[in-house]
Amino acid sequence: MTKRIAVLMGGWSQEREISLSSGQNIARALKGAGYDVHEIDIERDLLRLTNELYACNPDFIFNALHGEGGEDGTIQGVLEFFGVPYSNSNVLGSSIAFDKAVCKSLVRANGVRVIDGCEVRVNDIQAINSGGISMEYPFVVKPATNGSSIGVFLIFNEQDLARLKGTNWIFGNKILLEKYVSGREFTVMILTGKAMGALEITYQRKFYDYKSKYEIGGSTHISSFELNEAVMDEMFKASEIAFDVCRCNGLARTDFIYDKEHVYFLEINTQPGMTELSLVPDIARLNGTSFIQLLEVLMQQS
């Protein structure tokens, strides 16, 4: 019998468009392999979602949601109640990894190097370098719970800080302030707890922002990079530690920066992009695994 699969996409976060692209790419691959696929564009309507899931009666659910509601444990709680196997991390793993401050604290406690910084609230923005919160230039300001580099500000001087303070902050109440570290950027794919491969990322803009990630030509994924084997091993080990201590499942992606002296863990993403331009499908292909093969592995492991 053909396996019936529901693909959840869209949602209400600021990453909705990327989620739609990820979901459509997943659905297209599954349909091409002969699966019975039902695409569900998620809205903030629990009754509608449950009705669609019961009507579909899937054997497996692919969660292609990104950001708030889809990556933070919310939708995972609904799927646990529904009782059908679904892709990637459960409620606990999703909620831990989505909060960058909590994630950083856990991985640091387990011996992984992270960038120095602190956690503040929205009301503290005006106090940065003028009222009790001191940060040496340059530094980075970013939401503690967001993805796709949405809401990230690089603060190199007083003018940058003034622009931040004049911004209507809409990226959540928890904010991370971190020392700015310049270096080479890498991403590692982890599948069921094992680091499977890495890519170096280069781009033309100031940092690896939303446009660099999702516009054609915005970034380059380099597979034939030169890197000291010990440094690569450190990234792989740190990835596996992060996956374990954050209680992740299935597929995840970890990001790092290497400043020629140290490797710094940036974050772990439990719902990595699955678009045609995304990093994880590229790493899988480098390992000889096609996109549909990757999806089928996830179905087997969940």
Protein backbone atom coordinates (compact mmCIF):
# COMPACT_ATOMS: atom_id res chain seq x y z
CA MET A 1 0.00 0.00 0.00
CA THR A 2 1.24 3.49 -0.79
CA LYS A 3 2.21 5.33 2.36
CA ARG A 4 0.04 8.36 3.08
CA ILE A 5 2.07 11.40 4.19
CA ALA A 6 1.00 14.82 5.42
CA VAL A 7 3.42 17.72 4.86
CA LEU A 8 2.89 20.68 7.19
CA MET A 9 4.10 24.05 5.87
CA GLY A 10 3.49 27.78 6.05
CA GLY A 11 2.57 28.74 9.58
CA TRP A 12 2.40 32.24 11.05
CA SER A 13 6.04 33.01 11.79
CA GLN A 14 8.26 35.49 9.94
CA GLU A 15 9.74 32.47 8.14
CA ARG A 16 6.43 31.50 6.51
CA GLU A 17 7.61 31.90 2.90
CA ILE A 18 10.69 29.75 3.50
CA SER A 19 8.52 27.10 5.14
CA LEU A 20 6.23 27.03 2.11
CA SER A 21 9.24 26.55 -0.14
CA SER A 22 10.63 23.77 2.10
CA GLY A 23 7.26 22.02 2.27
CA GLN A 24 6.63 22.21 -1.44
CA ASN A 25 10.08 20.81 -2.16
CA ILE A 26 9.47 17.90 0.22
CA ALA A 27 6.02 17.22 -1.20
CA ARG A 28 7.30 17.29 -4.80
CA ALA A 29 10.02 14.74 -4.02
CA LEU A 30 7.62 12.43 -2.18
CA LYS A 31 5.02 12.58 -4.95
CA GLY A 32 7.69 11.80 -7.50
CA ALA A 33 8.57 8.67 -5.51
CA GLY A 34 4.96 7.49 -5.54
CA TYR A 35 3.81 8.49 -2.06
CA ASP A 36 0.27 9.71 -1.37
CA VAL A 37 1.02 13.26 -0.23
CA HIS A 38 -1.32 15.76 1.44
CA GLU A 39 -0.01 19.32 1.73
CA ILE A 40 -1.41 21.31 4.66
CA ASP A 41 -0.82 25.06 4.84
CA ILE A 42 -0.87 25.73 8.59
CA GLU A 43 -2.78 28.69 10.00
CA ARG A 44 -3.30 29.65 13.64
CA ASP A 45 -6.41 27.49 13.69
CA LEU A 46 -6.18 24.30 15.76
CA LEU A 47 -9.62 23.01 14.80
CA ARG A 48 -8.88 23.33 11.09
CA LEU A 49 -5.51 21.58 11.49
CA THR A 50 -6.90 18.65 13.45
CA ASN A 51 -9.81 18.26 11.04
CA GLU A 52 -7.39 18.16 8.08
CA LEU A 53 -5.13 15.65 9.81
CA TYR A 54 -8.03 13.35 10.71
CA ALA A 55 -9.41 13.63 7.18
CA CYS A 56 -5.98 12.82 5.71
CA ASN A 57 -5.28 10.04 8.26
CA PRO A 58 -1.54 10.00 7.47
CA ASP A 59 0.95 7.26 8.27
CA PHE A 60 3.66 9.88 8.73
CA ILE A 61 3.83 13.66 9.11
CA PHE A 62 6.64 15.81 7.69
CA ASN A 63 6.97 19.01 9.67
CA ALA A 64 8.34 21.63 7.27
CA LEU A 65 7.45 24.58 9.50
CA HIS A 66 10.10 27.10 10.54
CA GLY A 67 10.19 29.59 13.38
CA GLU A 68 7.56 30.39 15.98
CA GLY A 69 4.83 27.79 16.24
CA GLY A 70 6.58 25.22 14.10
CA GLU A 71 10.05 24.93 15.56
CA ASP A 72 9.58 25.79 19.22
CA GLY A 73 7.62 22.77 20.44
CA THR A 74 4.13 24.16 19.75
CA ILE A 75 3.18 22.08 16.72
CA GLN A 76 5.12 19.14 18.14
CA GLY A 77 2.72 19.10 21.12
CA VAL A 78 -0.23 18.89 18.73
CA LEU A 79 1.41 16.06 16.81
CA GLU A 80 2.16 14.15 20.01
CA PHE A 81 -1.54 14.31 20.82
CA PHE A 82 -2.41 13.13 17.31
CA GLY A 83 -0.19 10.08 17.80
CA VAL A 84 1.36 9.68 14.32
CA PRO A 85 5.16 9.57 13.79
CA TYR A 86 6.56 12.92 12.64
CA SER A 87 9.90 14.23 11.48
CA ASN A 88 12.67 15.65 13.63
CA SER A 89 12.69 16.77 17.26
CA ASN A 90 9.89 16.37 19.79
CA VAL A 91 8.44 18.99 22.14
CA LEU A 92 11.39 19.05 24.54
CA GLY A 93 14.17 19.05 21.95
CA SER A 94 12.45 21.66 19.80
CA SER A 95 11.82 24.06 22.67
CA ILE A 96 15.36 23.76 24.06
CA ALA A 97 17.11 24.26 20.73
CA PHE A 98 14.82 27.12 19.65
CA ASP A 99 15.86 29.24 22.62
CA LYS A 100 19.43 30.21 21.72
CA ALA A 101 20.21 31.36 25.26
CA VAL A 102 19.16 28.05 26.82
CA CYS A 103 20.91 26.08 24.08
CA LYS A 104 24.16 28.04 24.49
CA SER A 105 24.09 27.54 28.24
CA LEU A 106 23.70 23.77 27.86
CA VAL A 107 26.40 23.29 25.24
CA ARG A 108 28.82 25.55 27.11
CA ALA A 109 28.26 23.47 30.26
CA ASN A 110 29.23 20.41 28.22
CA GLY A 111 32.55 21.78 27.03
CA VAL A 112 31.60 23.43 23.73
CA ARG A 113 33.02 26.91 23.09
CA VAL A 114 30.43 29.65 22.47
CA ILE A 115 30.74 33.38 21.91
CA ASP A 116 30.69 35.53 25.04
CA GLY A 117 27.55 37.55 25.56
CA CYS A 118 24.48 38.08 27.68
CA GLU A 119 20.71 37.83 27.54
CA VAL A 120 18.49 40.91 27.91
CA ARG A 121 14.86 41.89 27.36
CA VAL A 122 13.30 44.31 24.90
CA ASN A 123 13.02 47.03 27.54
CA ASP A 124 16.79 46.82 28.03
CA ILE A 125 17.69 47.89 24.48
CA GLN A 126 17.73 51.58 25.38
CA ALA A 127 20.15 50.85 28.26
CA ILE A 128 22.86 49.34 26.04
CA ASN A 129 26.05 51.38 26.55
CA SER A 130 24.08 54.15 28.24
CA GLY A 131 22.39 52.67 31.27
CA GLY A 132 23.99 49.70 32.91
CA ILE A 133 24.45 47.27 30.02
CA SER A 134 27.95 47.61 28.60
CA MET A 135 29.05 46.07 25.31
CA GLU A 136 32.37 46.70 23.60
CA TYR A 137 32.17 47.47 19.88
CA PRO A 138 31.67 45.58 17.65
CA PHE A 139 28.88 43.33 18.89
CA VAL A 140 25.82 41.49 17.60
CA VAL A 141 22.21 41.88 18.69
CA LYS A 142 19.82 39.07 17.77
CA PRO A 143 16.56 37.48 18.90
CA ALA A 144 16.95 34.54 21.27
CA THR A 145 14.09 32.76 19.54
CA ASN A 146 14.09 33.30 15.79
CA GLY A 147 15.71 31.89 12.68
CA SER A 148 16.82 32.72 9.13
CA SER A 149 18.92 35.61 10.53
CA ILE A 150 15.73 37.65 10.94
CA GLY A 151 16.21 40.48 13.44
CA VAL A 152 20.02 40.31 13.54
CA PHE A 153 21.86 43.65 13.93
CA LEU A 154 25.62 44.18 13.63
CA ILE A 155 26.67 47.05 15.87
CA PHE A 156 30.04 48.48 14.88
CA ASN A 157 29.71 52.00 16.31
CA GLU A 158 27.43 54.50 18.05
CA GLN A 159 25.53 55.21 14.82
CA ASP A 160 24.63 51.54 14.43
CA LEU A 161 23.51 51.44 18.06
CA ALA A 162 21.36 54.55 17.59
CA ARG A 163 19.66 52.88 14.60
CA LEU A 164 18.96 49.80 16.71
CA LYS A 165 17.47 51.91 19.50
CA GLY A 166 15.25 53.66 16.95
CA THR A 167 13.95 50.36 15.57
CA ASN A 168 10.53 49.00 16.44
CA TRP A 169 11.71 45.64 17.79
CA ILE A 170 9.21 42.94 16.74
CA PHE A 171 11.41 39.86 17.16
CA GLY A 172 10.43 38.60 20.60
CA ASN A 173 11.11 39.65 24.19
CA LYS A 174 14.37 37.73 24.73
CA ILE A 175 17.47 39.18 23.07
CA LEU A 176 21.09 38.04 22.90
CA LEU A 177 24.01 40.46 22.92
CA GLU A 178 27.20 38.80 21.74
CA LYS A 179 30.75 39.82 20.95
CA TYR A 180 31.25 40.11 17.19
CA VAL A 181 33.59 37.43 15.86
CA SER A 182 34.85 37.54 12.30
CA GLY A 183 35.90 34.33 10.60
CA ARG A 184 35.02 31.49 8.27
CA GLU A 185 31.50 30.10 8.64
CA PHE A 186 30.62 26.42 8.51
CA THR A 187 27.49 24.35 8.86
CA VAL A 188 27.25 20.68 9.85
CA MET A 189 24.42 18.24 9.17
CA ILE A 190 23.50 15.85 11.99
CA LEU A 191 21.32 12.83 11.34
CA THR A 192 20.07 10.80 14.33
CA GLY A 193 22.92 12.09 16.47
CA LYS A 194 25.81 11.63 14.04
CA ALA A 195 27.57 14.44 12.16
CA MET A 196 27.33 13.52 8.48
CA GLY A 197 29.20 16.29 6.67
CA ALA A 198 29.86 20.00 6.43
CA LEU A 199 29.93 22.96 4.08
CA GLU A 200 31.72 26.28 4.24
CA ILE A 201 29.52 29.29 3.47
CA THR A 202 30.70 32.46 1.77
CA TYR A 203 28.64 35.54 0.88
CA GLN A 204 28.98 39.13 -0.31
CA ARG A 205 26.88 40.92 2.29
CA LYS A 206 28.02 41.98 5.79
CA PHE A 207 26.85 38.68 7.27
CA TYR A 208 24.93 35.54 6.36
CA ASP A 209 21.55 37.29 6.39
CA TYR A 210 18.12 36.40 4.99
CA LYS A 211 18.94 37.49 1.43
CA SER A 212 22.26 35.66 1.47
CA LYS A 213 20.47 32.47 2.53
CA TYR A 214 17.48 32.47 0.22
CA GLU A 215 18.19 34.53 -2.89
CA ILE A 216 19.82 32.83 -5.86
CA GLY A 217 23.49 33.79 -5.86
CA GLY A 218 23.27 35.18 -2.32
CA SER A 219 25.81 32.71 -0.98
CA THR A 220 28.16 29.95 -2.06
CA HIS A 221 28.24 26.50 -0.47
CA ILE A 222 31.81 25.22 -0.61
CA SER A 223 32.39 21.50 -0.24
CA SER A 224 36.07 21.37 -1.19
CA PHE A 225 37.27 23.66 1.61
CA GLU A 226 40.68 23.31 3.22
CA LEU A 227 40.58 22.97 6.99
CA ASN A 228 42.76 21.42 9.65
CA GLU A 229 41.46 17.95 10.45
CA ALA A 230 41.49 18.65 14.18
CA VAL A 231 39.30 21.73 13.66
CA MET A 232 36.84 19.71 11.57
CA ASP A 233 36.76 17.00 14.22
CA GLU A 234 36.03 19.63 16.87
CA MET A 235 33.04 20.90 14.90
CA PHE A 236 31.70 17.39 14.38
CA LYS A 237 32.11 16.52 18.06
CA ALA A 238 30.49 19.81 19.15
CA SER A 239 27.58 19.13 16.78
CA GLU A 240 26.95 15.71 18.28
CA ILE A 241 27.20 17.09 21.83
CA ALA A 242 24.70 19.85 21.01
CA PHE A 243 22.31 17.37 19.41
CA ASP A 244 22.51 15.16 22.49
CA VAL A 245 22.27 17.74 25.29
CA CYS A 246 19.44 19.61 23.54
CA ARG A 247 17.54 16.30 23.26
CA CYS A 248 17.18 16.52 19.48
CA ASN A 249 15.87 13.81 17.16
CA GLY A 250 16.00 13.09 13.44
CA LEU A 251 17.67 15.81 11.41
CA ALA A 252 19.38 18.99 12.60
CA ARG A 253 22.00 21.49 11.47
CA THR A 254 24.66 23.22 13.55
CA ASP A 255 26.41 26.47 12.64
CA PHE A 256 29.94 27.53 13.56
CA ILE A 257 32.42 30.33 13.03
CA TYR A 258 36.18 29.75 12.97
CA ASP A 259 38.45 32.76 13.55
CA LYS A 260 41.72 30.90 12.75
CA GLU A 261 42.25 30.31 16.46
CA HIS A 262 38.99 28.94 17.89
CA VAL A 263 35.81 27.24 16.75
CA TYR A 264 32.67 28.83 18.14
CA PHE A 265 29.29 27.10 18.22
CA LEU A 266 26.53 29.46 17.07
CA GLU A 267 23.30 27.47 17.17
CA ILE A 268 21.51 24.23 16.37
CA ASN A 269 18.54 24.24 14.01
CA THR A 270 16.02 21.42 14.51
CA GLN A 271 13.99 22.38 11.42
CA PRO A 272 16.69 23.12 8.83
CA GLY A 273 15.59 24.53 5.49
CA MET A 274 14.70 21.96 2.86
CA THR A 275 14.40 24.27 -0.15
CA GLU A 276 16.33 23.79 -3.39
CA LEU A 277 18.89 26.32 -2.11
CA SER A 278 19.20 24.92 1.42
CA LEU A 279 22.36 23.62 3.05
CA VAL A 280 21.23 20.23 4.39
CA PRO A 281 20.13 18.79 1.00
CA ASP A 282 23.50 19.91 -0.39
CA ILE A 283 25.42 18.09 2.35
CA ALA A 284 23.32 14.96 1.84
CA ARG A 285 24.10 14.99 -1.89
CA LEU A 286 27.81 15.26 -1.12
CA ASN A 287 27.44 12.03 0.87
CA GLY A 288 25.77 10.34 -2.10
CA THR A 289 22.30 10.64 -0.59
CA SER A 290 19.56 12.04 -2.81
CA PHE A 291 16.83 14.26 -1.41
CA ILE A 292 14.19 11.52 -1.51
CA GLN A 293 16.62 9.09 0.13
CA LEU A 294 17.16 11.60 2.94
CA LEU A 295 13.39 11.95 3.43
CA GLU A 296 12.96 8.18 3.51
CA VAL A 297 15.70 7.84 6.14
CA LEU A 298 13.85 10.37 8.29
CA MET A 299 10.64 8.39 7.95
CA GLN A 300 12.42 5.22 9.03
CA GLN A 301 14.14 6.86 12.00
CA SER A 302 11.16 8.73 13.48
